[in-house]
Protein backbone atom coordinates (compact mmCIF):
# COMPACT_ATOMS: atom_id res chain seq x y z
CA MET A 1 -30.13 -6.57 20.17
CA ASN A 2 -28.67 -8.50 17.25
CA THR A 3 -32.11 -9.18 15.76
CA ASP A 4 -33.14 -5.54 16.05
CA LEU A 5 -29.84 -4.39 14.53
CA LEU A 6 -30.07 -6.83 11.64
CA ASN A 7 -33.64 -5.67 10.94
CA ALA A 8 -32.46 -2.04 10.97
CA LEU A 9 -29.62 -2.88 8.57
CA ARG A 10 -32.02 -4.67 6.22
CA ALA A 11 -34.28 -1.64 6.26
CA ALA A 12 -31.30 0.56 5.40
CA VAL A 13 -29.89 -1.36 2.43
CA GLY A 14 -32.41 -4.06 1.56
CA PRO A 15 -32.49 -7.66 2.84
CA ALA A 16 -30.38 -9.03 -0.04
CA GLN A 17 -27.44 -6.81 0.93
CA VAL A 18 -27.19 -7.96 4.56
CA LEU A 19 -25.21 -11.20 4.61
CA THR A 20 -25.22 -13.44 7.69
CA ARG A 21 -23.61 -16.82 8.25
CA ASP A 22 -27.04 -18.42 8.41
CA THR A 23 -27.40 -17.99 4.67
CA HIS A 24 -23.99 -16.96 3.30
CA ASP A 25 -20.33 -17.93 3.39
CA LEU A 26 -18.58 -14.93 4.97
CA GLU A 27 -15.08 -16.40 4.75
CA ALA A 28 -13.83 -13.90 2.13
CA TYR A 29 -14.83 -10.98 4.34
CA GLU A 30 -13.53 -12.45 7.60
CA ARG A 31 -10.00 -13.55 6.63
CA ASP A 32 -7.20 -11.16 5.73
CA TRP A 33 -5.15 -11.47 2.52
CA ARG A 34 -2.01 -12.74 4.31
CA GLN A 35 -4.01 -15.37 6.22
CA ARG A 36 -2.83 -13.87 9.50
CA ALA A 37 -6.26 -13.37 11.04
CA HIS A 38 -9.70 -14.96 10.78
CA GLY A 39 -12.52 -13.11 12.51
CA ARG A 40 -16.22 -13.66 12.95
CA ALA A 41 -18.70 -10.98 11.85
CA LEU A 42 -22.25 -10.47 12.98
CA ALA A 43 -23.06 -9.53 9.40
CA VAL A 44 -21.61 -8.14 6.20
CA VAL A 45 -23.52 -5.14 4.88
CA ARG A 46 -23.18 -4.00 1.25
CA PRO A 47 -24.63 -0.50 0.80
CA GLY A 48 -25.09 0.83 -2.73
CA SER A 49 -24.91 4.57 -2.08
CA THR A 50 -23.46 7.13 0.31
CA ASP A 51 -26.90 7.68 1.85
CA GLU A 52 -27.13 3.96 2.55
CA VAL A 53 -23.66 4.01 4.17
CA ALA A 54 -24.86 6.83 6.43
CA ALA A 55 -28.02 4.89 7.30
CA VAL A 56 -25.93 1.81 8.21
CA VAL A 57 -23.70 3.93 10.44
CA ARG A 58 -26.70 5.44 12.21
CA ALA A 59 -28.24 2.00 12.74
CA CYS A 60 -25.03 0.65 14.25
CA ALA A 61 -24.66 3.72 16.47
CA ALA A 62 -28.20 3.33 17.73
CA HIS A 63 -27.52 -0.30 18.69
CA GLY A 64 -23.99 0.21 20.04
CA ALA A 65 -22.31 -1.93 17.36
CA SER A 66 -18.87 -1.29 15.92
CA LEU A 67 -18.14 -1.16 12.19
CA VAL A 68 -15.21 -2.48 10.17
CA PRO A 69 -14.99 -0.75 6.76
CA GLN A 70 -13.68 -2.98 3.98
CA GLY A 71 -12.73 -2.36 0.35
CA GLY A 72 -10.84 -4.99 -1.61
CA ASN A 73 -9.51 -6.59 1.61
CA THR A 74 -5.96 -6.67 0.21
CA GLY A 75 -4.29 -4.93 3.17
CA LEU A 76 -1.20 -6.38 4.82
CA VAL A 77 -1.60 -5.23 8.45
CA VAL A 78 -4.92 -6.86 9.46
CA GLY A 79 -6.87 -3.62 9.24
CA SER A 80 -10.09 -4.59 7.49
CA VAL A 81 -11.40 -7.84 8.98
CA PRO A 82 -13.57 -8.24 12.09
CA ASP A 83 -12.41 -9.57 15.42
CA ASP A 84 -13.65 -12.95 16.65
CA SER A 85 -16.41 -11.61 18.91
CA GLY A 86 -19.21 -12.13 16.40
CA THR A 87 -20.57 -8.66 17.21
CA GLN A 88 -18.93 -6.45 14.58
CA VAL A 89 -20.52 -5.41 11.30
CA VAL A 90 -18.33 -5.50 8.20
CA LEU A 91 -19.21 -2.58 5.93
CA SER A 92 -18.24 -3.61 2.39
CA LEU A 93 -17.93 -0.68 -0.02
CA GLN A 94 -17.53 -2.75 -3.19
CA ARG A 95 -20.95 -1.80 -4.58
CA LEU A 96 -19.98 1.89 -4.53
CA ASN A 97 -18.02 1.53 -7.77
CA ALA A 98 -19.14 4.32 -10.09
CA VAL A 99 -16.93 6.81 -11.89
CA ARG A 100 -19.03 9.91 -11.21
CA ALA A 101 -17.23 12.45 -13.38
CA ILE A 102 -14.07 13.22 -15.34
CA ASP A 103 -13.08 16.86 -15.81
CA ARG A 104 -10.46 16.96 -18.57
CA ALA A 105 -9.75 20.68 -18.29
CA ASN A 106 -9.31 20.46 -14.52
CA LEU A 107 -7.42 17.14 -14.80
CA THR A 108 -9.60 15.47 -12.16
CA MET A 109 -11.76 12.38 -11.78
CA THR A 110 -14.42 11.78 -9.14
CA VAL A 111 -14.92 8.12 -8.25
CA GLU A 112 -16.66 6.12 -5.56
CA ALA A 113 -14.68 4.31 -2.90
CA GLY A 114 -15.38 0.80 -4.19
CA CYS A 115 -13.81 1.44 -7.59
CA VAL A 116 -11.00 -1.02 -8.21
CA LEU A 117 -7.71 0.82 -8.76
CA GLN A 118 -7.16 -0.80 -12.15
CA ALA A 119 -10.60 0.36 -13.29
CA VAL A 120 -9.70 3.92 -12.30
CA GLN A 121 -6.45 3.68 -14.27
CA GLN A 122 -8.36 2.39 -17.31
CA ALA A 123 -11.03 5.10 -17.08
CA ALA A 124 -8.31 7.75 -17.08
CA GLU A 125 -6.51 6.04 -19.97
CA ALA A 126 -9.71 5.99 -22.03
CA GLU A 127 -9.66 9.79 -21.83
CA GLY A 128 -6.01 9.95 -22.85
CA LEU A 129 -5.00 10.75 -19.27
CA LEU A 130 -3.01 9.09 -16.49
CA PHE A 131 -3.87 8.17 -12.92
CA PRO A 132 -0.41 7.14 -11.70
CA LEU A 133 -1.07 5.21 -8.49
CA SER A 134 0.20 1.70 -9.21
CA LEU A 135 0.77 -1.31 -6.96
CA ALA A 136 0.77 -5.08 -7.20
CA ALA A 137 -2.79 -5.45 -5.91
CA GLU A 138 -4.27 -2.94 -8.36
CA GLY A 139 -6.52 -5.57 -9.91
CA SER A 140 -8.43 -6.03 -6.64
CA CYS A 141 -7.66 -3.18 -4.21
CA THR A 142 -10.08 -0.24 -4.14
CA ILE A 143 -9.63 3.53 -4.10
CA GLY A 144 -11.29 3.87 -0.70
CA GLY A 145 -8.79 1.47 0.82
CA ASN A 146 -5.91 3.09 -1.06
CA LEU A 147 -6.81 6.45 0.46
CA ALA A 148 -7.65 5.09 3.91
CA THR A 149 -4.15 3.59 4.10
CA ASN A 150 -2.39 6.32 2.07
CA ALA A 151 -1.08 3.66 -0.31
CA GLY A 152 2.26 4.14 -2.03
CA GLY A 153 3.34 1.85 -4.84
CA THR A 154 5.91 2.11 -7.58
CA GLN A 155 5.55 5.74 -8.77
CA VAL A 156 5.71 7.64 -5.48
CA LEU A 157 9.10 9.00 -6.54
CA ARG A 158 7.41 11.13 -9.21
CA TYR A 159 3.77 11.49 -8.17
CA GLY A 160 3.64 10.95 -4.42
CA ASN A 161 1.50 8.69 -2.23
CA ALA A 162 -2.29 8.41 -2.51
CA ARG A 163 -2.58 11.51 -0.31
CA GLU A 164 -0.84 13.64 -2.95
CA LEU A 165 -3.18 12.32 -5.64
CA CYS A 166 -6.39 13.28 -3.82
CA LEU A 167 -8.00 16.73 -3.94
CA GLY A 168 -11.30 16.07 -2.17
CA LEU A 169 -13.33 13.49 -0.28
CA GLU A 170 -16.85 12.49 0.59
CA VAL A 171 -16.90 10.96 4.09
CA VAL A 172 -19.50 9.51 6.44
CA THR A 173 -18.78 10.41 10.07
CA PRO A 174 -19.35 8.20 13.14
CA GLU A 175 -22.62 10.09 13.74
CA GLY A 176 -23.87 9.17 10.28
CA GLU A 177 -23.42 12.66 8.84
CA VAL A 178 -21.99 13.15 5.34
CA TRP A 179 -19.14 15.57 4.68
CA HIS A 180 -19.46 16.68 1.06
CA GLY A 181 -15.85 17.64 0.36
CA LEU A 182 -15.43 16.55 -3.25
CA SER A 183 -13.58 19.69 -4.26
CA GLY A 184 -11.46 19.70 -7.38
CA LEU A 185 -9.55 22.72 -6.13
CA ARG A 186 -5.78 22.72 -5.86
CA LYS A 187 -5.85 25.82 -3.67
CA ASP A 188 -8.30 26.23 -0.80
CA ASN A 189 -6.99 27.89 2.37
CA THR A 190 -10.22 28.01 4.35
CA GLY A 191 -9.25 26.25 7.54
CA TYR A 192 -8.12 22.81 8.61
CA ASP A 193 -7.45 20.33 5.81
CA LEU A 194 -10.00 17.64 6.65
CA ARG A 195 -8.97 15.64 3.59
CA ASP A 196 -5.56 14.98 5.10
CA LEU A 197 -7.21 14.01 8.38
CA PHE A 198 -9.17 11.17 6.80
CA VAL A 199 -6.56 10.01 4.27
CA GLY A 200 -4.36 7.51 6.10
CA SER A 201 -6.71 7.16 9.08
CA GLU A 202 -7.50 3.50 8.17
CA GLY A 203 -11.24 3.85 8.69
CA THR A 204 -10.90 4.87 12.35
CA LEU A 205 -12.22 8.44 11.94
CA GLY A 206 -14.65 8.27 9.03
CA ILE A 207 -15.71 6.15 6.07
CA ILE A 208 -14.51 7.43 2.69
CA THR A 209 -17.31 6.96 0.14
CA ALA A 210 -15.93 8.95 -2.81
CA ALA A 211 -12.89 10.97 -3.84
CA THR A 212 -11.80 13.55 -6.39
CA LEU A 213 -8.44 12.49 -7.78
CA LYS A 214 -5.69 14.23 -9.75
CA LEU A 215 -5.06 13.18 -13.32
CA PHE A 216 -2.03 13.85 -15.52
CA PRO A 217 -1.28 13.91 -19.24
CA GLN A 218 -0.11 10.57 -20.60
CA PRO A 219 3.65 10.57 -21.27
CA ALA A 220 4.69 10.44 -24.92
CA ALA A 221 6.92 7.44 -24.13
CA THR A 222 7.73 5.22 -21.18
CA LEU A 223 10.86 3.08 -21.12
CA THR A 224 12.02 0.54 -18.57
CA ALA A 225 15.55 -0.61 -17.79
CA TRP A 226 16.92 -3.38 -15.58
CA ALA A 227 20.44 -2.89 -14.21
CA ALA A 228 22.80 -5.00 -12.12
CA VAL A 229 24.56 -3.00 -9.40
CA PRO A 230 27.49 -4.08 -7.22
CA SER A 231 26.12 -2.76 -3.91
CA LEU A 232 23.30 -0.84 -2.26
CA GLN A 233 25.54 2.21 -2.12
CA ALA A 234 25.97 1.94 -5.90
CA ALA A 235 22.17 1.77 -6.22
CA VAL A 236 21.82 4.97 -4.15
CA ASP A 237 24.47 6.69 -6.27
CA LEU A 238 22.72 5.50 -9.44
CA LEU A 239 19.48 7.01 -8.12
CA GLY A 240 21.20 10.37 -7.71
CA LEU A 241 22.65 10.18 -11.21
CA ALA A 242 19.24 9.23 -12.64
CA GLN A 243 17.54 12.11 -10.86
CA GLN A 244 20.17 14.48 -12.23
CA ARG A 245 19.87 13.28 -15.84
CA LEU A 246 16.17 12.36 -16.06
CA ALA A 247 14.71 14.87 -13.56
CA ALA A 248 10.91 14.47 -13.34
CA GLY A 249 11.06 11.81 -16.05
CA LEU A 250 12.30 9.31 -13.48
CA THR A 251 9.00 7.76 -12.39
CA GLY A 252 10.20 4.47 -10.90
CA PHE A 253 13.31 3.23 -9.13
CA GLU A 254 13.05 -0.20 -7.50
CA VAL A 255 15.78 -2.25 -5.85
CA MET A 256 15.76 -6.07 -5.51
CA GLY A 257 18.22 -8.20 -3.57
CA GLN A 258 19.72 -11.34 -5.03
CA PHE A 259 17.90 -13.72 -2.67
CA ALA A 260 14.56 -12.04 -3.41
CA LEU A 261 15.13 -12.55 -7.13
CA SER A 262 16.31 -16.12 -6.59
CA LEU A 263 12.88 -16.93 -5.13
CA VAL A 264 11.19 -15.68 -8.30
CA ALA A 265 13.64 -17.67 -10.44
CA ARG A 266 12.97 -20.80 -8.35
CA HIS A 267 9.21 -20.65 -8.05
CA MET A 268 8.38 -18.87 -11.33
CA PRO A 269 11.04 -19.97 -13.83
CA GLN A 270 8.86 -18.90 -16.76
CA LEU A 271 9.54 -15.25 -15.86
CA ARG A 272 13.24 -15.49 -16.80
CA VAL A 273 14.82 -13.13 -14.28
CA PRO A 274 17.76 -11.29 -15.92
CA LEU A 275 21.25 -10.60 -14.52
CA TRP A 276 20.54 -11.69 -10.95
CA GLN A 277 22.97 -14.56 -10.49
CA ASP A 278 26.22 -12.58 -10.50
CA THR A 279 25.24 -9.43 -8.62
CA PRO A 280 24.02 -8.67 -5.08
CA TYR A 281 21.30 -6.26 -6.26
CA CYS A 282 19.34 -5.35 -9.36
CA VAL A 283 17.56 -2.07 -10.02
CA LEU A 284 14.45 -1.44 -12.12
CA LEU A 285 14.18 2.08 -13.55
CA GLU A 286 11.33 3.74 -15.41
CA ASN A 287 11.69 6.87 -17.55
CA SER A 288 8.52 8.68 -18.66
CA ASP A 289 9.25 11.21 -21.37
CA SER A 290 7.13 14.05 -22.73
CA GLU A 291 8.96 14.25 -26.09
CA GLY A 292 8.98 10.71 -27.48
CA GLU A 293 10.63 7.30 -27.48
CA ASP A 294 13.79 8.34 -29.33
CA HIS A 295 14.48 11.08 -26.80
CA ALA A 296 13.68 8.79 -23.88
CA ARG A 297 15.93 6.02 -25.19
CA ALA A 298 18.81 8.43 -25.80
CA GLN A 299 18.45 9.71 -22.23
CA PHE A 300 18.34 6.19 -20.81
CA GLU A 301 21.32 4.96 -22.77
CA GLY A 302 23.34 8.03 -21.81
CA LEU A 303 22.48 7.46 -18.15
CA LEU A 304 23.47 3.80 -18.24
CA GLU A 305 26.73 4.50 -20.09
CA ALA A 306 27.70 7.11 -17.50
CA ALA A 307 26.73 4.73 -14.68
CA MET A 308 28.91 1.96 -16.12
CA GLU A 309 31.86 4.35 -16.49
CA GLN A 310 31.47 5.27 -12.80
CA GLY A 311 31.26 1.62 -11.72
CA LEU A 312 27.66 1.95 -10.54
CA VAL A 313 26.25 -0.58 -13.04
CA SER A 314 27.91 -3.80 -14.19
CA ASP A 315 25.33 -4.74 -16.84
CA ALA A 316 21.92 -3.55 -18.00
CA VAL A 317 19.08 -4.20 -20.42
CA VAL A 318 16.54 -1.71 -21.78
CA ALA A 319 13.12 -3.08 -22.68
CA GLU A 320 12.57 -3.02 -26.45
CA SER A 321 8.78 -3.21 -26.27
CA ILE A 322 5.82 -2.64 -23.98
CA ALA A 323 5.60 -6.42 -23.51
CA GLN A 324 9.23 -6.60 -22.37
CA ALA A 325 8.67 -3.69 -19.98
CA HIS A 326 5.61 -5.40 -18.50
CA ALA A 327 7.63 -8.60 -18.11
CA LEU A 328 10.33 -6.80 -16.13
CA TRP A 329 7.78 -5.15 -13.87
CA HIS A 330 6.01 -8.48 -13.44
CA ILE A 331 9.22 -9.97 -12.04
CA ARG A 332 9.43 -7.18 -9.48
CA GLU A 333 5.77 -7.53 -8.51
CA SER A 334 6.06 -11.32 -8.21
CA ILE A 335 8.57 -11.22 -5.36
CA PRO A 336 5.89 -11.28 -2.61
CA LEU A 337 4.12 -14.23 -4.28
CA ALA A 338 7.37 -16.13 -4.70
CA GLN A 339 8.23 -15.49 -1.07
CA ALA A 340 4.83 -16.80 -0.01
CA GLN A 341 5.47 -19.99 -2.00
CA GLU A 342 8.80 -20.36 -0.19
CA GLY A 343 6.92 -20.37 3.12
CA LEU A 344 5.56 -18.17 5.89
CA ASN A 345 7.71 -15.12 6.53
CA ILE A 346 8.03 -12.02 8.66
CA LYS A 347 7.25 -8.87 6.68
CA HIS A 348 8.51 -5.35 7.33
CA ASP A 349 7.38 -2.27 5.45
CA ILE A 350 9.90 0.33 6.58
CA SER A 351 11.22 3.69 5.42
CA ILE A 352 14.70 5.07 5.94
CA PRO A 353 16.29 8.27 4.60
CA VAL A 354 17.64 7.18 1.21
CA SER A 355 21.19 8.26 2.09
CA ARG A 356 21.22 5.94 5.11
CA ILE A 357 19.74 2.81 3.55
CA PRO A 358 23.09 1.10 2.80
CA ALA A 359 24.32 1.55 6.38
CA PHE A 360 20.96 0.43 7.78
CA CYS A 361 20.99 -2.78 5.70
CA ASP A 362 24.61 -3.53 6.63
CA GLU A 363 23.78 -3.22 10.33
CA ALA A 364 20.41 -5.00 10.24
CA ASP A 365 21.72 -7.83 8.04
CA ALA A 366 24.66 -8.49 10.38
CA LEU A 367 22.48 -8.24 13.49
CA LEU A 368 19.90 -10.75 12.26
CA GLN A 369 22.53 -13.19 10.97
CA ARG A 370 24.31 -13.07 14.31
CA GLU A 371 21.18 -13.45 16.44
CA ILE A 372 19.43 -16.05 14.24
CA PRO A 373 22.06 -17.99 12.25
CA GLY A 374 20.93 -19.06 8.80
CA VAL A 375 18.06 -16.58 8.57
CA ARG A 376 17.40 -15.46 4.98
CA LEU A 377 16.69 -11.82 4.09
CA VAL A 378 14.28 -10.90 1.31
CA ASN A 379 15.14 -7.25 0.73
CA PHE A 380 13.42 -5.29 -2.03
CA GLY A 381 11.36 -2.16 -2.49
CA HIS A 382 10.98 1.41 -3.57
CA LEU A 383 14.51 2.75 -3.13
CA GLY A 384 13.57 5.99 -4.90
CA ASP A 385 11.38 7.05 -1.98
CA GLY A 386 13.25 5.25 0.81
CA ASN A 387 10.75 2.42 1.32
CA LEU A 388 12.09 -1.13 1.77
CA HIS A 389 10.19 -4.37 2.17
CA TYR A 390 12.77 -5.87 4.49
CA ASN A 391 11.36 -9.36 4.98
CA VAL A 392 12.78 -12.27 6.96
CA GLN A 393 12.54 -15.89 5.83
CA ALA A 394 13.24 -18.91 8.03
CA PRO A 395 16.57 -20.71 7.60
CA ALA A 396 16.59 -23.23 4.74
CA GLY A 397 14.95 -26.48 5.82
CA ALA A 398 13.43 -25.00 8.99
CA ASP A 399 9.75 -25.26 9.88
CA ALA A 400 8.49 -21.88 8.62
CA LYS A 401 5.33 -21.91 10.75
CA TYR A 402 7.32 -22.67 13.90
CA PHE A 403 9.86 -19.99 12.96
CA LEU A 404 7.08 -17.43 12.63
CA GLN A 405 5.51 -18.42 15.96
CA THR A 406 8.75 -18.37 17.94
CA GLN A 407 10.81 -15.65 16.25
CA GLU A 408 8.44 -12.97 14.92
CA SER A 409 8.38 -10.86 18.07
CA ARG A 410 12.17 -11.00 18.43
CA VAL A 411 12.81 -10.26 14.76
CA ASN A 412 10.39 -7.33 14.81
CA GLN A 413 12.11 -5.85 17.84
CA LEU A 414 15.57 -6.18 16.25
CA VAL A 415 14.44 -4.62 12.98
CA PHE A 416 12.28 -1.87 14.49
CA ASP A 417 14.97 -0.83 16.97
CA THR A 418 17.44 -0.55 14.10
CA VAL A 419 14.92 1.46 12.06
CA ALA A 420 14.55 3.85 14.98
CA ARG A 421 18.32 4.32 15.25
CA TYR A 422 18.33 5.40 11.60
CA HIS A 423 15.39 7.80 12.13
CA GLY A 424 13.02 5.76 9.98
CA SER A 425 9.42 4.57 10.22
CA ILE A 426 8.12 1.08 11.01
CA SER A 427 5.31 1.54 8.45
CA ALA A 428 6.04 3.22 5.14
CA GLU A 429 2.99 2.43 2.98
CA HIS A 430 1.04 -0.53 4.41
CA GLY A 431 -0.39 1.29 7.42
CA VAL A 432 -0.63 0.23 11.05
CA GLY A 433 -3.83 -1.82 11.27
CA SER A 434 -3.95 -4.13 14.26
CA LEU A 435 -0.68 -5.88 13.40
CA LYS A 436 1.49 -2.88 14.32
CA ALA A 437 -0.81 -0.99 16.70
CA GLY A 438 0.96 -2.40 19.74
CA HIS A 439 4.34 -1.21 18.43
CA LEU A 440 3.25 2.36 17.78
CA PRO A 441 3.61 3.63 21.38
CA HIS A 442 7.27 2.54 21.36
CA PHE A 443 8.22 4.25 18.10
CA LYS A 444 5.85 7.21 17.70
CA ASP A 445 6.56 10.58 19.25
CA PRO A 446 4.48 10.67 22.48
CA VAL A 447 3.09 14.13 21.75
CA ALA A 448 2.01 13.01 18.27
CA LEU A 449 0.39 9.89 19.75
CA ALA A 450 -1.47 11.96 22.34
CA LEU A 451 -2.77 14.29 19.63
CA MET A 452 -3.92 11.30 17.60
CA ARG A 453 -5.83 9.94 20.60
CA ARG A 454 -7.53 13.30 21.13
CA ILE A 455 -8.62 13.43 17.51
CA LYS A 456 -10.03 9.90 17.72
CA ALA A 457 -11.89 10.73 20.95
CA ALA A 458 -13.33 13.91 19.44
CA LEU A 459 -14.58 12.33 16.20
CA ASP A 460 -15.43 8.83 17.41
CA PRO A 461 -15.91 9.06 21.19
CA HIS A 462 -17.57 5.64 21.42
CA ASN A 463 -14.78 3.94 19.42
CA ARG A 464 -17.19 2.39 16.91
CA PHE A 465 -15.13 2.83 13.73
CA ASN A 466 -12.55 0.09 13.24
CA PRO A 467 -11.66 -0.29 16.94
CA GLY A 468 -8.25 -1.68 17.79
CA ARG A 469 -6.67 -0.36 14.59
CA VAL A 470 -3.86 2.22 14.62
CA LEU A 471 -4.46 3.14 18.28
CA THR A 472 -4.52 0.54 21.04
CA PRO A 473 -7.10 0.99 23.85
C-alpha cells in the first residue's frame, strides 16, 4: 500500500515534492517547535497549488492514509506533526505562498495559506495599508496556520483574533473537493457561515489553501509606553482608564510579571529591561492615532499623568523613536525564549474575564505555592483581551526535566480547575492540538462537545484529517 500511495503522491505533485526518509532528512517536519513530540511520517508532500492539494487528498483517501496539514510548524500544542506510526502523510503548504490580489478600495488582500505572516504584513505596508495580526512567530508562522488555530497576538484588543480578520476562504475537503469561498464581502447572509467552521478547526475539518483578509489604513502615528504598576488590579484599572481616554486608539495592552521580566534581564542583558526591579508588574501599551504623533503623545502623556495621580502607575517611559518602541516590544516577545533558556517549563494559555484576572492570579499563585513549594510563576500576556500565559517553572536548582515529567499533570489540573472556577478557557489562542485534547471533555460543555463530534463525523467520517487533534477518539 505504501508504495502505491507514494507513487500516487508523486503523480499528483511531482517526484521532487514527495520527501521520504530514504532520501531526505524529515526532522524539521516531524518535531514540534517546543520539542515536546517527535513523530515519524511516511512522507512529506509539498504541493504547489490548490489543485495539487486536492489531488493529494484524493490519493490519501483512496489508500486509507491520514493527513497532517502543516504550515510554519510553530504551534505550541503539538497540532501539526505526525504520530510515530510511520503511516501518516505530512502535507506541507509552504509552497503555496503567493499574494494573489490586493483590493485597495475594498481593503482586502487574498493570499495563499503558505504565506509567512510577516510577508503578508509587508505586502500590505507596501500598499500603505495595515494587516494587524502580530505575534512573536510572525517571521516563520503562516497564514493558513494562523487561521486554522484562530491565532491571537498582541493587537486582538483593537482588531480581534485571526477569525475577525478573515472574510473568505478556499478550502479542500476530506473528499478532495475545493470550496471556492474567497469572498471579499463584509455582508453575506446566505446560510451557514462555513468560514467560521474552518477557522479554528486546526486542520481537522478541511485544509485552508487561501484566504481573503481584511486590511486597514495605516495609523498616522503609533506610540508605545512602558509603565510600572503596583498590582494586577492596578493594571486592570489602568486598562479601563486607557480605554476611556484612547478609545479605539488603544491597540495593545500587555502585562508582564516581575519574575518573567527577570528571566529576560538574566538571559538577555543586552535588552535592558526598564523599571522591573522595584515593581510586581509592568504594562506595555500601544496607542495608534489617526491624527499624528503630537496628538498621540499628548493623549499618552495625559493618560499616564492621570494614572499616576490615581496611584495606578508608579513610573513610566514613552518611546521616543520607532527603534525604542521596537526594543520595548522585543523585551515582551523575548519572555518565552528567556523562559526556555531557564529550563523546561509547563505552559498555560488561558483566558479569564478581565475583571476577574487579579482574583484568579491571587488564588492560583497561592494554590501552586502551597502544593509545590518553591515553584516559580512566569505570568505575562495580553491583559487587554483577558489572555494570560500563566507558565510554571521548576523551583530554583531543581531538575527541570524531572519536574516536567512528575508535576505537569498535577500542575495542569490545579490551574485548569481554577480557570474553570473563574469561568475561563484552558486555551485562549494556541488551540487544542493533541496536547490538550484529553482535557477538553472535562472543561467543555458536553452539548458543545457532542455537536463538535457530529460536525467532524459529517465532514470527515473516516477521521483522515489530523486525527487525534482537538477531539479524542
